Protein backbone atom coordinates (compact mmCIF):
# COMPACT_ATOMS: atom_id res chain seq x y z
CA MET A 1 -73.66 130.29 -44.33
CA VAL A 2 -74.44 127.82 -47.08
CA PRO A 3 -77.03 128.19 -49.84
CA GLY A 4 -80.55 127.61 -48.54
CA GLY A 5 -80.05 129.47 -45.26
CA ARG A 6 -79.08 126.38 -43.25
CA VAL A 7 -76.24 126.35 -40.85
CA PRO A 8 -74.19 123.14 -40.84
CA PRO A 9 -73.82 121.47 -37.47
CA PRO A 10 -70.51 121.93 -35.74
CA PRO A 11 -68.07 119.09 -36.05
CA MET A 12 -68.35 116.54 -33.28
CA TYR A 13 -65.47 116.61 -30.79
CA ARG A 14 -64.00 113.25 -30.10
CA PRO A 15 -61.56 113.16 -27.25
CA LYS A 16 -58.41 111.18 -27.85
CA PRO A 17 -58.19 107.98 -25.82
CA LEU A 18 -55.81 108.11 -22.93
CA GLN A 19 -52.67 106.09 -23.52
CA SER A 20 -51.93 103.73 -20.64
CA ARG A 21 -48.51 104.22 -19.17
CA PRO A 22 -46.38 101.07 -18.62
CA PRO A 23 -45.74 100.18 -14.98
CA PRO A 24 -42.39 101.34 -13.65
CA ARG A 25 -39.66 98.73 -14.00
CA ARG A 26 -37.81 97.56 -10.95
CA PRO A 27 -34.07 97.98 -11.14
CA ARG A 28 -32.34 94.68 -11.85
CA ARG A 29 -29.04 93.71 -10.33
CA SER A 30 -26.41 93.35 -12.95
CA VAL A 31 -24.45 90.16 -13.53
CA ARG A 32 -21.33 92.05 -12.55
CA GLY A 33 -22.81 92.75 -9.12
CA TRP A 34 -23.56 89.07 -8.52
CA CYS A 35 -20.01 88.15 -9.54
CA CYS A 36 -18.54 90.68 -7.13
CA VAL A 37 -20.65 89.37 -4.25
CA SER A 38 -19.73 85.75 -5.04
CA CYS A 39 -16.01 86.57 -5.26
CA MET A 40 -16.17 88.44 -1.98
CA TRP A 41 -17.77 85.49 -0.15
CA LEU A 42 -15.29 83.08 -1.74
CA ILE A 43 -12.36 85.19 -0.55
CA VAL A 44 -13.84 85.37 2.96
CA VAL A 45 -14.23 81.57 3.08
CA LEU A 46 -10.68 80.95 1.81
CA VAL A 47 -9.20 83.41 4.31
CA GLY A 48 -11.15 81.71 7.08
CA LEU A 49 -9.91 78.27 6.06
CA VAL A 50 -6.31 79.48 5.89
CA PHE A 51 -6.66 81.09 9.30
CA LEU A 52 -8.08 77.90 10.82
CA GLY A 53 -5.37 75.81 9.16
CA ALA A 54 -2.67 78.08 10.58
CA ILE A 55 -4.16 77.74 14.06
CA ALA A 56 -4.32 73.94 13.75
CA ALA A 57 -0.72 73.79 12.48
CA GLY A 58 0.47 75.95 15.36
CA VAL A 59 -1.29 73.79 17.93
CA PHE A 60 0.11 70.63 16.30
CA TYR A 61 3.65 72.03 16.34
CA VAL A 62 3.43 73.10 19.98
CA VAL A 63 2.03 69.74 21.12
CA TYR A 64 4.15 67.35 19.04
CA HIS A 65 7.13 69.48 17.91
CA PRO A 66 7.66 67.40 14.73
CA GLN A 67 11.16 66.84 13.33
CA LEU A 68 12.30 65.24 10.10
CA PRO A 69 14.02 61.84 10.33
CA THR A 70 17.68 61.50 9.37
CA PHE A 71 19.29 58.93 7.09
CA ALA A 72 22.86 57.77 6.57
CA VAL A 73 24.66 55.08 4.60
CA THR A 74 26.73 53.77 7.50
CA SER A 75 28.48 50.89 5.76
CA LEU A 76 29.07 49.73 2.21
CA ARG A 77 30.79 46.90 0.38
CA LEU A 78 31.59 46.97 -3.31
CA ALA A 79 31.39 43.22 -3.79
CA SER A 80 31.94 43.19 -7.55
CA LEU A 81 32.49 45.66 -10.38
CA ASN A 82 33.27 44.38 -13.87
CA ILE A 83 33.41 46.39 -17.09
CA SER A 84 33.33 44.42 -20.32
CA ASP A 85 34.98 45.36 -23.60
CA SER A 86 31.59 46.57 -24.84
CA ASP A 87 31.34 49.06 -21.94
CA ALA A 88 28.77 47.00 -20.01
CA VAL A 89 28.86 47.15 -16.20
CA THR A 90 28.07 44.22 -13.95
CA SER A 91 28.19 45.05 -10.26
CA ARG A 92 26.94 44.28 -6.79
CA ILE A 93 26.88 46.79 -3.94
CA GLU A 94 25.92 45.77 -0.40
CA PHE A 95 25.07 48.64 1.93
CA THR A 96 23.47 49.49 5.24
CA VAL A 97 21.04 52.37 5.79
CA THR A 98 20.61 53.79 9.29
CA ALA A 99 17.45 55.83 9.92
CA ARG A 100 16.88 57.83 13.11
CA ASN A 101 13.53 59.14 14.31
CA PRO A 102 14.06 62.09 16.71
CA ASN A 103 10.35 62.47 17.54
CA ASP A 104 8.87 61.30 20.82
CA LYS A 105 5.24 60.88 19.72
CA ILE A 106 5.36 60.50 15.93
CA ALA A 107 6.07 57.26 14.07
CA PHE A 108 6.85 56.92 10.36
CA ALA A 109 5.77 54.18 7.95
CA TYR A 110 7.95 53.74 4.87
CA GLY A 111 7.12 51.85 1.73
CA ASP A 112 9.76 50.16 -0.38
CA ILE A 113 12.52 52.62 -1.24
CA ALA A 114 14.22 52.53 -4.65
CA ALA A 115 17.99 53.04 -4.35
CA ALA A 116 20.30 53.97 -7.22
CA PHE A 117 24.11 54.20 -6.99
CA SER A 118 26.28 56.14 -9.40
CA ALA A 119 29.99 56.66 -9.92
CA ASP A 120 31.97 58.84 -12.33
CA GLY A 121 28.83 60.43 -13.72
CA GLY A 122 26.67 57.37 -14.37
CA GLY A 123 24.67 54.65 -12.68
CA ILE A 124 26.34 51.41 -11.62
CA GLY A 125 23.59 49.64 -9.68
CA ASP A 126 19.95 49.74 -8.60
CA GLY A 127 18.24 48.10 -5.66
CA VAL A 128 15.33 48.25 -3.24
CA VAL A 129 15.42 49.03 0.47
CA PRO A 130 12.49 47.13 2.02
CA GLY A 131 9.85 49.24 3.72
CA PHE A 132 9.65 49.44 7.49
CA VAL A 133 7.83 51.12 10.37
CA HIS A 134 9.91 53.64 12.32
CA PRO A 135 8.71 53.93 15.95
CA PRO A 136 9.18 57.17 17.92
CA GLY A 137 12.72 57.76 19.20
CA ASN A 138 13.99 54.65 17.40
CA THR A 139 17.08 53.98 15.29
CA THR A 140 16.47 51.42 12.55
CA VAL A 141 19.20 49.69 10.55
CA VAL A 142 18.24 48.18 7.19
CA ARG A 143 20.51 46.15 4.93
CA ALA A 144 20.03 46.00 1.17
CA ALA A 145 21.89 45.44 -2.08
CA ALA A 146 22.08 47.13 -5.47
CA THR A 147 23.07 45.29 -8.63
CA ALA A 148 23.63 45.85 -12.32
CA GLU A 149 23.53 43.19 -15.04
CA ALA A 150 25.29 44.17 -18.27
CA LEU A 151 24.36 47.84 -17.88
CA THR A 152 25.68 49.79 -20.87
CA VAL A 153 27.44 53.03 -19.85
CA ASP A 154 29.19 55.87 -21.60
CA PRO A 155 32.68 55.01 -22.92
CA VAL A 156 34.21 57.85 -20.89
CA GLN A 157 32.64 56.51 -17.70
CA ALA A 158 33.71 52.96 -18.56
CA ALA A 159 37.31 54.10 -19.04
CA ALA A 160 37.22 55.95 -15.70
CA LEU A 161 35.86 52.89 -13.90
CA ARG A 162 38.62 50.72 -15.38
CA SER A 163 41.42 53.10 -14.46
CA ARG A 164 40.50 53.79 -10.81
CA LYS A 165 40.95 51.51 -7.86
CA SER A 166 38.85 53.62 -5.48
CA HIS A 167 35.51 55.01 -6.60
CA ALA A 168 33.55 58.00 -5.31
CA LEU A 169 29.96 56.82 -5.08
CA SER A 170 26.73 58.67 -4.55
CA ALA A 171 23.29 57.27 -3.77
CA GLN A 172 19.76 58.46 -4.38
CA MET A 173 16.80 56.84 -2.65
CA ASP A 174 13.18 57.60 -3.55
CA GLY A 175 10.16 56.38 -1.64
CA LYS A 176 6.97 57.32 0.16
CA VAL A 177 6.40 57.86 3.87
CA GLY A 178 3.43 58.56 6.10
CA PHE A 179 3.34 59.53 9.76
CA GLN A 180 1.38 57.89 12.55
CA ILE A 181 0.11 59.52 15.75
CA GLY A 182 -1.77 57.12 17.98
CA GLY A 183 -4.44 55.48 15.84
CA PHE A 184 -4.23 58.10 13.07
CA SER A 185 -2.27 57.36 9.90
CA SER A 186 -1.70 59.97 7.22
CA LYS A 187 -1.42 59.47 3.49
CA ARG A 188 2.07 58.83 2.22
CA ILE A 189 4.06 61.57 0.54
CA ASN A 190 7.14 61.43 -1.67
CA VAL A 191 10.57 61.70 -0.08
CA ARG A 192 14.06 61.65 -1.59
CA VAL A 193 17.31 60.94 0.21
CA THR A 194 20.57 61.88 -1.51
CA CYS A 195 23.91 60.70 -0.14
CA ALA A 196 27.35 61.80 -1.31
CA GLY A 197 30.93 61.34 -0.20
CA ILE A 198 31.01 57.52 -0.30
CA SER A 199 34.43 56.12 -1.14
CA ALA A 200 34.72 52.42 -1.91
CA SER A 201 37.25 50.04 -3.41
CA LEU A 202 36.59 46.67 -4.92
CA ALA A 203 36.36 44.17 -2.10
CA LYS A 204 38.91 41.37 -1.97
CA PRO A 205 37.96 38.02 -0.50
CA GLU A 206 39.57 37.22 2.82
CA PRO A 207 42.13 34.42 2.77
CA ALA A 208 40.95 31.11 4.03
CA ALA A 209 41.72 30.55 7.69
CA GLU A 210 44.02 27.71 8.58
CA ALA A 211 42.40 24.74 10.25
CA PRO A 212 43.00 24.87 14.01
CA ALA A 213 45.02 22.15 15.68
CA PRO A 214 42.94 19.41 17.28
CA ALA A 215 42.21 20.25 20.88
CA PRO A 216 42.54 17.81 23.73
CA ALA A 217 39.45 15.86 24.60
CA HIS A 218 39.08 17.51 28.00
CA THR A 219 39.13 21.13 26.67
CA ARG A 220 36.25 23.05 25.06
CA HIS A 221 36.76 25.16 21.96
CA SER A 222 34.62 27.54 19.95
CA PRO A 223 33.57 26.58 16.41
CA PRO A 224 35.85 27.81 13.61
CA ARG A 225 34.92 31.05 11.81
CA GLY A 226 33.38 30.74 8.41
CA VAL A 227 35.24 31.83 5.32
CA GLY A 228 33.60 34.70 3.41
CA GLY A 229 34.23 37.87 1.43
CA ALA A 230 35.58 41.14 2.71
CA LYS A 231 33.61 42.85 5.45
CA MET A 232 31.58 45.97 4.91
CA THR A 233 33.46 49.20 5.59
CA THR A 234 31.99 52.09 7.52
CA THR A 235 31.30 55.33 5.69
CA ASP A 236 30.72 58.93 6.67
CA ALA A 237 28.33 59.70 3.84
CA LYS A 238 26.25 62.81 4.37
CA CYS A 239 22.60 62.37 3.40
CA LYS A 240 19.93 65.00 2.82
CA LEU A 241 16.21 64.38 3.07
CA LYS A 242 13.79 66.21 0.79
CA VAL A 243 10.02 66.03 1.24
CA LYS A 244 7.80 66.70 -1.77
CA ILE A 245 4.17 67.65 -1.19
CA TRP A 246 2.34 68.09 -4.47
CA ILE A 247 4.53 70.66 -6.27
CA TRP A 248 6.44 71.93 -3.25
CA THR A 249 9.76 70.45 -2.11
CA PHE A 250 11.09 70.99 1.42
């Protein structure tokens, strides 16, 4: 009660406004989940490619039965070898390389092959074996020469070259080769051929042949033989072939 006998009106009730609830959020896939799925598919694809490659390699091996070619230095002639007082080597080496292709359906195509000869721990001559095509089941003989012009060597090697009459030589040949099957030609890969066990002495020129006596007019005779240096001597050098594909060597 308030003075005057009047009753104040009751306070007005105002309902509180309803707060709107935010819509429920959908769960998002984490970045880690996407990475796991991508890695899984990548692994599946790589395994599939490896599996298909293994099948193709197996079929290729069964059909063609590929074999590596073989190389040998079958003859060599040390035409000249001079060592100056300043330990400079001047030389000429004539040699023959015999390559054999044991495959029946695979041919090889070689580019120019760089050949380097060494003796007593150092190089004594460099040369180039010209490139060639090696048909299936074929034996190819290639002749080449290696030379050195005033090549400075170590004094120890120079002394060894002066003191020895017979020299133990080794050869290293680097080049590129590709194989051919029918009309298909592959890209060329690096190959290295190393040969050891070559023994050579400085060649001596053959004495001049005496002039033959004049033959009667009614007889036939063969032409006289030409006068030249010493002939090339056969060798039993053992050569190893290494094939390098990217970072792998076989």
